[in-house]
């Protein structure tokens, strides 16, 4: 018997709310509402640009666990 589950649902790392990956969030674990806040701590545009240029090895749920986004942390002024 085949197990059915939806890989497109996740919970935001910051607010804990459920979101659909690709529609109202991303595969890194952040919902769109949190990403759009002015105090969102990471520059995801730069991360994705580096990923597209093969400068970042991991993409997905392990990215946060491995600390890969830390170099993309925005500096609070």
N, C-alpha and C. Protein backbone atom coordinates (compact mmCIF):
# COMPACT_ATOMS: atom_id res chain seq x y z
N UNK A 1 0.84 -1.18 0.00
CA UNK A 1 0.00 0.00 0.00
C UNK A 1 0.89 1.25 0.00
N UNK A 2 0.58 2.16 -0.86
CA UNK A 2 1.35 3.38 -1.00
C UNK A 2 0.92 4.40 0.04
N UNK A 3 1.91 5.01 0.69
CA UNK A 3 1.60 6.08 1.65
C UNK A 3 1.36 7.37 0.91
N UNK A 4 0.32 8.09 1.30
CA UNK A 4 0.05 9.38 0.68
C UNK A 4 0.31 10.48 1.70
N UNK A 5 1.12 11.43 1.32
CA UNK A 5 1.34 12.60 2.15
C UNK A 5 1.74 13.75 1.27
N UNK A 6 1.48 14.95 1.75
CA UNK A 6 1.74 16.14 0.95
C UNK A 6 3.07 16.73 1.35
N UNK A 7 4.04 16.68 0.45
CA UNK A 7 5.35 17.24 0.72
C UNK A 7 5.35 18.76 0.60
N UNK A 8 4.24 19.34 0.13
CA UNK A 8 4.18 20.77 -0.08
C UNK A 8 3.79 21.58 1.13
N UNK A 9 3.53 20.95 2.26
CA UNK A 9 3.13 21.66 3.48
C UNK A 9 4.31 21.70 4.45
N UNK A 10 4.55 22.87 5.04
CA UNK A 10 5.59 23.01 6.05
C UNK A 10 5.10 24.00 7.10
N UNK A 11 5.87 24.16 8.15
CA UNK A 11 5.57 25.13 9.20
C UNK A 11 6.70 26.14 9.26
N UNK A 12 6.36 27.41 9.30
CA UNK A 12 7.35 28.47 9.29
C UNK A 12 8.26 28.39 10.51
N UNK A 13 9.54 28.52 10.27
CA UNK A 13 10.53 28.49 11.34
C UNK A 13 10.35 29.67 12.28
N UNK A 14 9.90 30.81 11.77
CA UNK A 14 9.78 32.02 12.59
C UNK A 14 8.45 32.13 13.32
N UNK A 15 7.33 31.92 12.63
CA UNK A 15 6.03 32.13 13.27
C UNK A 15 5.30 30.84 13.60
N UNK A 16 5.72 29.72 13.02
CA UNK A 16 5.11 28.42 13.32
C UNK A 16 3.84 28.11 12.56
N UNK A 17 3.37 29.03 11.71
CA UNK A 17 2.14 28.79 10.97
C UNK A 17 2.40 27.90 9.75
N UNK A 18 1.39 27.11 9.41
CA UNK A 18 1.46 26.22 8.26
C UNK A 18 1.45 27.04 6.97
N UNK A 19 2.24 26.60 6.00
CA UNK A 19 2.23 27.25 4.69
C UNK A 19 2.47 26.24 3.60
N UNK A 20 2.10 26.60 2.37
CA UNK A 20 2.30 25.74 1.21
C UNK A 20 3.60 26.16 0.53
N UNK A 21 4.54 25.25 0.43
CA UNK A 21 5.82 25.54 -0.20
C UNK A 21 5.59 25.94 -1.65
N UNK A 22 6.18 27.07 -2.03
CA UNK A 22 6.07 27.55 -3.39
C UNK A 22 4.90 28.48 -3.64
N UNK A 23 3.87 28.43 -2.79
CA UNK A 23 2.73 29.32 -2.97
C UNK A 23 2.76 30.45 -1.96
N UNK A 24 2.88 30.09 -0.70
CA UNK A 24 2.94 31.13 0.33
C UNK A 24 4.13 30.92 1.26
N UNK A 25 5.20 30.38 0.68
CA UNK A 25 6.44 30.16 1.43
C UNK A 25 7.48 29.55 0.52
N UNK A 26 8.61 29.16 1.11
CA UNK A 26 9.66 28.55 0.30
C UNK A 26 10.16 27.27 0.93
N UNK A 27 11.04 26.58 0.24
CA UNK A 27 11.54 25.29 0.73
C UNK A 27 12.60 25.44 1.82
N UNK A 28 12.92 26.66 2.19
CA UNK A 28 13.88 26.89 3.28
C UNK A 28 13.19 26.92 4.64
N UNK A 29 11.87 27.00 4.65
CA UNK A 29 11.13 26.94 5.91
C UNK A 29 10.52 28.25 6.38
N UNK A 30 10.40 29.22 5.51
CA UNK A 30 9.82 30.52 5.89
C UNK A 30 8.54 30.78 5.11
N UNK A 31 7.50 31.25 5.80
CA UNK A 31 6.27 31.62 5.10
C UNK A 31 6.48 32.99 4.45
N UNK A 32 5.64 33.29 3.48
CA UNK A 32 5.74 34.54 2.74
C UNK A 32 5.52 35.76 3.63
N UNK A 33 4.59 35.64 4.58
CA UNK A 33 4.33 36.78 5.48
C UNK A 33 5.58 37.17 6.26
N UNK A 34 6.29 36.18 6.77
CA UNK A 34 7.52 36.47 7.52
C UNK A 34 8.61 37.01 6.60
N UNK A 35 8.72 36.47 5.39
CA UNK A 35 9.74 36.92 4.44
C UNK A 35 9.53 38.38 4.03
N UNK A 36 8.29 38.83 4.02
CA UNK A 36 7.98 40.20 3.60
C UNK A 36 8.11 41.23 4.71
N UNK A 37 8.30 40.78 5.94
CA UNK A 37 8.45 41.72 7.05
C UNK A 37 9.79 42.45 6.93
N UNK A 38 9.80 43.74 7.28
CA UNK A 38 11.05 44.51 7.18
C UNK A 38 12.18 43.96 8.07
N UNK A 39 11.82 43.27 9.14
CA UNK A 39 12.85 42.74 10.04
C UNK A 39 13.21 41.28 9.75
N UNK A 40 12.80 40.75 8.57
CA UNK A 40 13.17 39.39 8.20
C UNK A 40 14.70 39.31 8.19
N UNK A 41 15.28 38.33 8.88
CA UNK A 41 16.73 38.35 9.13
C UNK A 41 17.66 37.93 7.99
N UNK A 42 17.14 37.44 6.86
CA UNK A 42 18.03 36.92 5.82
C UNK A 42 17.78 37.57 4.46
N UNK A 43 18.84 37.68 3.67
CA UNK A 43 18.75 38.17 2.31
C UNK A 43 18.59 36.95 1.40
N UNK A 44 17.35 36.52 1.21
CA UNK A 44 17.09 35.31 0.42
C UNK A 44 17.34 35.53 -1.06
N UNK A 45 17.19 36.75 -1.53
CA UNK A 45 17.50 37.02 -2.94
C UNK A 45 18.96 36.70 -3.24
N UNK A 46 19.85 37.13 -2.35
CA UNK A 46 21.27 36.85 -2.54
C UNK A 46 21.56 35.36 -2.41
N UNK A 47 20.88 34.70 -1.46
CA UNK A 47 21.05 33.26 -1.30
C UNK A 47 20.68 32.52 -2.59
N UNK A 48 19.50 32.84 -3.15
CA UNK A 48 19.06 32.16 -4.37
C UNK A 48 19.96 32.50 -5.56
N UNK A 49 20.46 33.71 -5.61
CA UNK A 49 21.39 34.08 -6.68
C UNK A 49 22.66 33.25 -6.58
N UNK A 50 23.19 33.13 -5.36
CA UNK A 50 24.39 32.30 -5.15
C UNK A 50 24.10 30.84 -5.46
N UNK A 51 22.91 30.37 -5.09
CA UNK A 51 22.55 28.99 -5.38
C UNK A 51 22.51 28.76 -6.89
N UNK A 52 21.89 29.68 -7.62
CA UNK A 52 21.81 29.55 -9.07
C UNK A 52 23.19 29.57 -9.73
N UNK A 53 24.16 30.23 -9.08
CA UNK A 53 25.52 30.31 -9.60
C UNK A 53 26.45 29.26 -8.98
N UNK A 54 25.85 28.23 -8.36
CA UNK A 54 26.59 27.12 -7.77
C UNK A 54 27.57 27.54 -6.68
N UNK A 55 27.25 28.60 -5.95
CA UNK A 55 28.10 29.04 -4.85
C UNK A 55 27.63 28.50 -3.51
N UNK A 56 26.42 27.92 -3.49
CA UNK A 56 25.84 27.35 -2.27
C UNK A 56 25.53 25.90 -2.55
N UNK A 57 25.96 25.01 -1.66
CA UNK A 57 25.82 23.59 -1.89
C UNK A 57 24.42 23.09 -1.59
N UNK A 58 23.85 23.47 -0.45
CA UNK A 58 22.58 22.92 0.00
C UNK A 58 21.42 23.86 -0.27
N UNK A 59 20.28 23.26 -0.51
CA UNK A 59 19.05 24.01 -0.65
C UNK A 59 17.95 23.10 -0.13
N UNK A 60 17.13 23.59 0.73
CA UNK A 60 16.05 22.78 1.27
C UNK A 60 16.03 22.85 2.78
N UNK A 61 15.38 21.89 3.37
CA UNK A 61 15.15 21.91 4.81
C UNK A 61 16.44 21.87 5.63
N UNK A 62 17.50 21.28 5.12
CA UNK A 62 18.74 21.19 5.87
C UNK A 62 19.53 22.49 5.86
N UNK A 63 19.15 23.43 5.04
CA UNK A 63 19.90 24.69 4.91
C UNK A 63 19.99 25.41 6.25
N UNK A 64 18.88 25.50 6.97
CA UNK A 64 18.88 26.18 8.27
C UNK A 64 19.65 25.37 9.30
N UNK A 65 19.44 24.08 9.34
CA UNK A 65 20.10 23.22 10.32
C UNK A 65 21.62 23.30 10.17
N UNK A 66 22.09 23.38 8.94
CA UNK A 66 23.53 23.43 8.67
C UNK A 66 24.10 24.84 8.79
N UNK A 67 23.27 25.82 9.07
CA UNK A 67 23.74 27.19 9.26
C UNK A 67 24.16 27.90 7.98
N UNK A 68 23.75 27.38 6.84
CA UNK A 68 24.18 27.93 5.56
C UNK A 68 23.64 29.34 5.33
N UNK A 69 22.49 29.67 5.90
CA UNK A 69 21.93 31.01 5.71
C UNK A 69 22.62 32.07 6.55
N UNK A 70 23.45 31.69 7.49
CA UNK A 70 24.06 32.68 8.39
C UNK A 70 24.89 33.72 7.64
N UNK A 71 25.54 33.36 6.56
CA UNK A 71 26.30 34.36 5.82
C UNK A 71 25.39 35.32 5.07
N UNK A 72 24.09 35.02 5.02
CA UNK A 72 23.10 35.89 4.38
C UNK A 72 22.27 36.67 5.40
N UNK A 73 22.69 36.60 6.65
CA UNK A 73 21.98 37.34 7.71
C UNK A 73 22.15 38.83 7.49
N UNK A 74 21.05 39.55 7.55
CA UNK A 74 21.08 41.01 7.39
C UNK A 74 21.65 41.63 8.65
N UNK A 75 22.42 42.68 8.48
CA UNK A 75 23.01 43.39 9.61
C UNK A 75 21.99 44.43 10.08
N UNK A 76 21.69 44.38 11.38
CA UNK A 76 20.78 45.39 11.94
C UNK A 76 21.52 46.70 12.09
N UNK A 77 20.90 47.75 11.60
CA UNK A 77 21.54 49.08 11.69
C UNK A 77 20.90 49.91 12.76
